[in-house]
Amino acid sequence: MTALVAVLVLGASVTLLTPCRADAGGRHALRGTASWYGRYHHGRKTASGVRFDMRALTAAHRTLPLGTRLRVRLAASGRVIEVVVNDRGPYFGRRIIDLSRESARQLGMLRAGLGEVELEILRPPMVAQAHAPQLTKSTPTCFIRMEPTSVSSEDALR
């Protein structure tokens, strides 16, 4: 079953038309390939305006509102972490999320570089949170279609 997730951000409705599967508890999760980024981007500004810290539990996602808290579970090991979306990406292949180096380390995917993950939205951003100043009333209403799929490591490197 496909779930529609709607988030209200400063009066703008951001609707993510994302194929999700409901688990036994009725929660919806995104599934797909994750990668990680680190040293090259360390200290550079992220889309949220804060400097990227490869030692923090953060992530980049193409469409989720900045400040969204996610639970990330690595399928291969079952390890689980919580991250905050503070950047945009990934822009390579069919990956659904880019994790900070520390996030990848805690999940146990540093060496592999890629991993199949399940993302669960824990909390959308609140207007009063730190990321709110970067949002403006001119933030457009946008409709985004995302279709996370599993890809082999060979396809991900293309």
Protein backbone atom coordinates (compact mmCIF):
# COMPACT_ATOMS: atom_id res chain seq x y z
CA MET A 1 0.00 0.00 0.00
CA THR A 2 1.33 3.45 -0.88
CA ALA A 3 1.23 6.08 1.85
CA LEU A 4 1.06 9.82 1.35
CA VAL A 5 3.07 11.79 3.86
CA ALA A 6 2.10 15.47 4.17
CA VAL A 7 4.05 18.00 6.20
CA LEU A 8 2.95 21.58 6.84
CA VAL A 9 5.90 23.99 6.74
CA LEU A 10 5.12 27.68 7.21
CA GLY A 11 1.82 27.35 5.39
CA ALA A 12 3.26 25.43 2.46
CA SER A 13 2.08 21.88 2.03
CA VAL A 14 4.93 19.60 1.05
CA THR A 15 3.51 16.31 -0.12
CA LEU A 16 5.81 13.39 -0.66
CA LEU A 17 4.29 10.83 -2.98
CA THR A 18 6.52 8.02 -1.87
CA PRO A 19 5.88 4.30 -2.23
CA CYS A 20 6.03 2.94 1.31
CA ARG A 21 5.32 -0.43 2.84
CA ALA A 22 3.47 -0.71 6.13
CA ASP A 23 5.07 -3.01 8.70
CA ALA A 24 3.21 -5.12 11.27
CA GLY A 25 2.85 -2.07 13.54
CA GLY A 26 1.25 0.02 10.79
CA ARG A 27 4.32 2.27 10.42
CA HIS A 28 5.45 3.23 6.94
CA ALA A 29 9.06 2.97 5.88
CA LEU A 30 11.12 3.87 2.82
CA ARG A 31 13.51 1.22 1.58
CA GLY A 32 16.52 1.64 -0.68
CA THR A 33 20.27 2.11 -0.94
CA ALA A 34 22.23 4.37 1.38
CA SER A 35 25.74 5.75 0.91
CA TRP A 36 27.88 7.95 3.13
CA TYR A 37 29.99 11.06 2.83
CA GLY A 38 32.68 12.47 5.08
CA ARG A 39 36.09 14.11 4.97
CA TYR A 40 35.75 15.99 1.66
CA HIS A 41 32.56 17.75 2.83
CA HIS A 42 33.57 18.17 6.49
CA GLY A 43 33.24 21.82 7.53
CA ARG A 44 31.37 22.90 4.40
CA LYS A 45 27.92 24.46 4.64
CA THR A 46 24.97 22.12 4.24
CA ALA A 47 21.62 22.99 2.66
CA SER A 48 20.33 23.84 6.15
CA GLY A 49 23.07 26.44 6.58
CA VAL A 50 24.98 24.60 9.31
CA ARG A 51 28.48 23.27 8.71
CA PHE A 52 28.71 19.56 7.92
CA ASP A 53 30.23 17.54 10.75
CA MET A 54 31.19 14.05 9.64
CA ARG A 55 31.17 13.00 13.34
CA ALA A 56 27.48 13.93 13.83
CA LEU A 57 24.47 11.69 13.23
CA THR A 58 23.11 13.53 10.20
CA ALA A 59 21.99 12.72 6.69
CA ALA A 60 21.22 14.18 3.28
CA HIS A 61 17.90 13.44 1.58
CA ARG A 62 16.56 14.83 -1.69
CA THR A 63 13.02 15.67 -0.61
CA LEU A 64 12.34 15.32 3.11
CA PRO A 65 12.12 18.66 4.93
CA LEU A 66 15.33 19.77 6.60
CA GLY A 67 15.21 18.95 10.31
CA THR A 68 13.27 15.70 9.86
CA ARG A 69 14.33 12.97 12.32
CA LEU A 70 14.70 9.51 10.81
CA ARG A 71 15.29 6.04 12.18
CA VAL A 72 17.68 4.21 9.84
CA ARG A 73 17.96 0.41 9.94
CA LEU A 74 20.66 -1.40 7.98
CA ALA A 75 19.03 -4.49 6.47
CA ALA A 76 22.18 -6.64 6.52
CA SER A 77 22.86 -6.29 10.25
CA GLY A 78 19.64 -4.95 11.74
CA ARG A 79 21.59 -2.11 13.40
CA VAL A 80 19.51 1.01 14.02
CA ILE A 81 20.42 4.70 14.47
CA GLU A 82 18.55 8.01 14.49
CA VAL A 83 19.67 10.87 12.25
CA VAL A 84 18.55 14.40 11.39
CA VAL A 85 18.21 15.49 7.75
CA ASN A 86 20.32 18.63 7.36
CA ASP A 87 21.46 18.46 3.75
CA ARG A 88 20.31 17.60 0.22
CA GLY A 89 21.39 14.58 -1.78
CA PRO A 90 22.40 12.00 -2.78
CA TYR A 91 22.69 12.90 -6.44
CA PHE A 92 24.38 9.73 -7.64
CA GLY A 93 22.63 6.62 -8.87
CA ARG A 94 19.41 5.48 -7.25
CA ARG A 95 20.44 6.07 -3.65
CA ILE A 96 17.77 7.34 -1.27
CA ILE A 97 19.97 8.79 1.50
CA ASP A 98 23.54 9.94 2.18
CA LEU A 99 24.66 9.38 5.75
CA SER A 100 27.43 11.15 7.63
CA ARG A 101 30.59 9.14 8.24
CA GLU A 102 29.67 8.59 11.91
CA SER A 103 26.19 7.38 10.96
CA ALA A 104 27.71 4.89 8.52
CA ARG A 105 30.25 3.78 11.14
CA GLN A 106 27.56 3.11 13.72
CA LEU A 107 25.55 1.12 11.19
CA GLY A 108 28.64 -0.86 10.18
CA MET A 109 28.69 0.14 6.51
CA LEU A 110 31.90 2.20 6.31
CA ARG A 111 33.91 -0.43 4.47
CA ALA A 112 31.13 -1.45 2.06
CA GLY A 113 30.27 2.18 1.28
CA LEU A 114 26.69 1.26 0.38
CA GLY A 115 23.95 -0.57 2.21
CA GLU A 116 20.29 -1.42 1.90
CA VAL A 117 18.38 0.53 4.53
CA GLU A 118 14.90 1.17 5.82
CA LEU A 119 14.00 4.74 6.79
CA GLU A 120 11.22 5.57 9.22
CA ILE A 121 10.14 9.18 9.76
CA LEU A 122 10.16 9.77 13.51
CA ARG A 123 9.40 13.47 13.62
CA PRO A 124 8.95 16.08 10.93
CA PRO A 125 10.61 19.43 11.62
CA MET A 126 8.89 21.94 13.87
CA VAL A 127 8.80 25.62 12.89
CA ALA A 128 10.47 26.52 16.20
CA GLN A 129 13.44 24.21 15.58
CA ALA A 130 16.89 25.38 14.54
CA HIS A 131 16.27 24.80 10.82
CA ALA A 132 13.22 27.09 10.62
CA PRO A 133 15.13 30.35 9.87
CA GLN A 134 16.23 28.92 6.51
CA LEU A 135 12.60 28.48 5.44
CA THR A 136 10.67 31.41 4.04
CA LYS A 137 7.03 32.17 3.28
CA SER A 138 7.95 31.92 -0.39
CA THR A 139 8.73 28.22 0.05
CA PRO A 140 6.65 26.76 -2.79
CA THR A 141 4.15 23.98 -2.56
CA CYS A 142 5.84 21.07 -4.21
CA PHE A 143 4.78 17.60 -5.18
CA ILE A 144 7.59 15.12 -5.36
CA ARG A 145 7.52 11.55 -6.57
CA MET A 146 10.26 9.29 -5.24
CA GLU A 147 10.55 5.67 -6.15
CA PRO A 148 13.19 3.96 -4.01
CA THR A 149 14.37 0.73 -5.54
CA SER A 150 17.01 -1.80 -4.76
CA VAL A 151 20.07 -1.64 -6.99
CA SER A 152 23.14 -3.79 -7.14
CA SER A 153 26.46 -2.29 -6.06
CA GLU A 154 27.53 -2.42 -9.73
CA ASP A 155 24.55 -0.26 -10.79
CA ALA A 156 25.17 2.17 -7.92
CA LEU A 157 28.70 2.88 -9.18
CA ARG A 158 27.50 3.88 -12.67
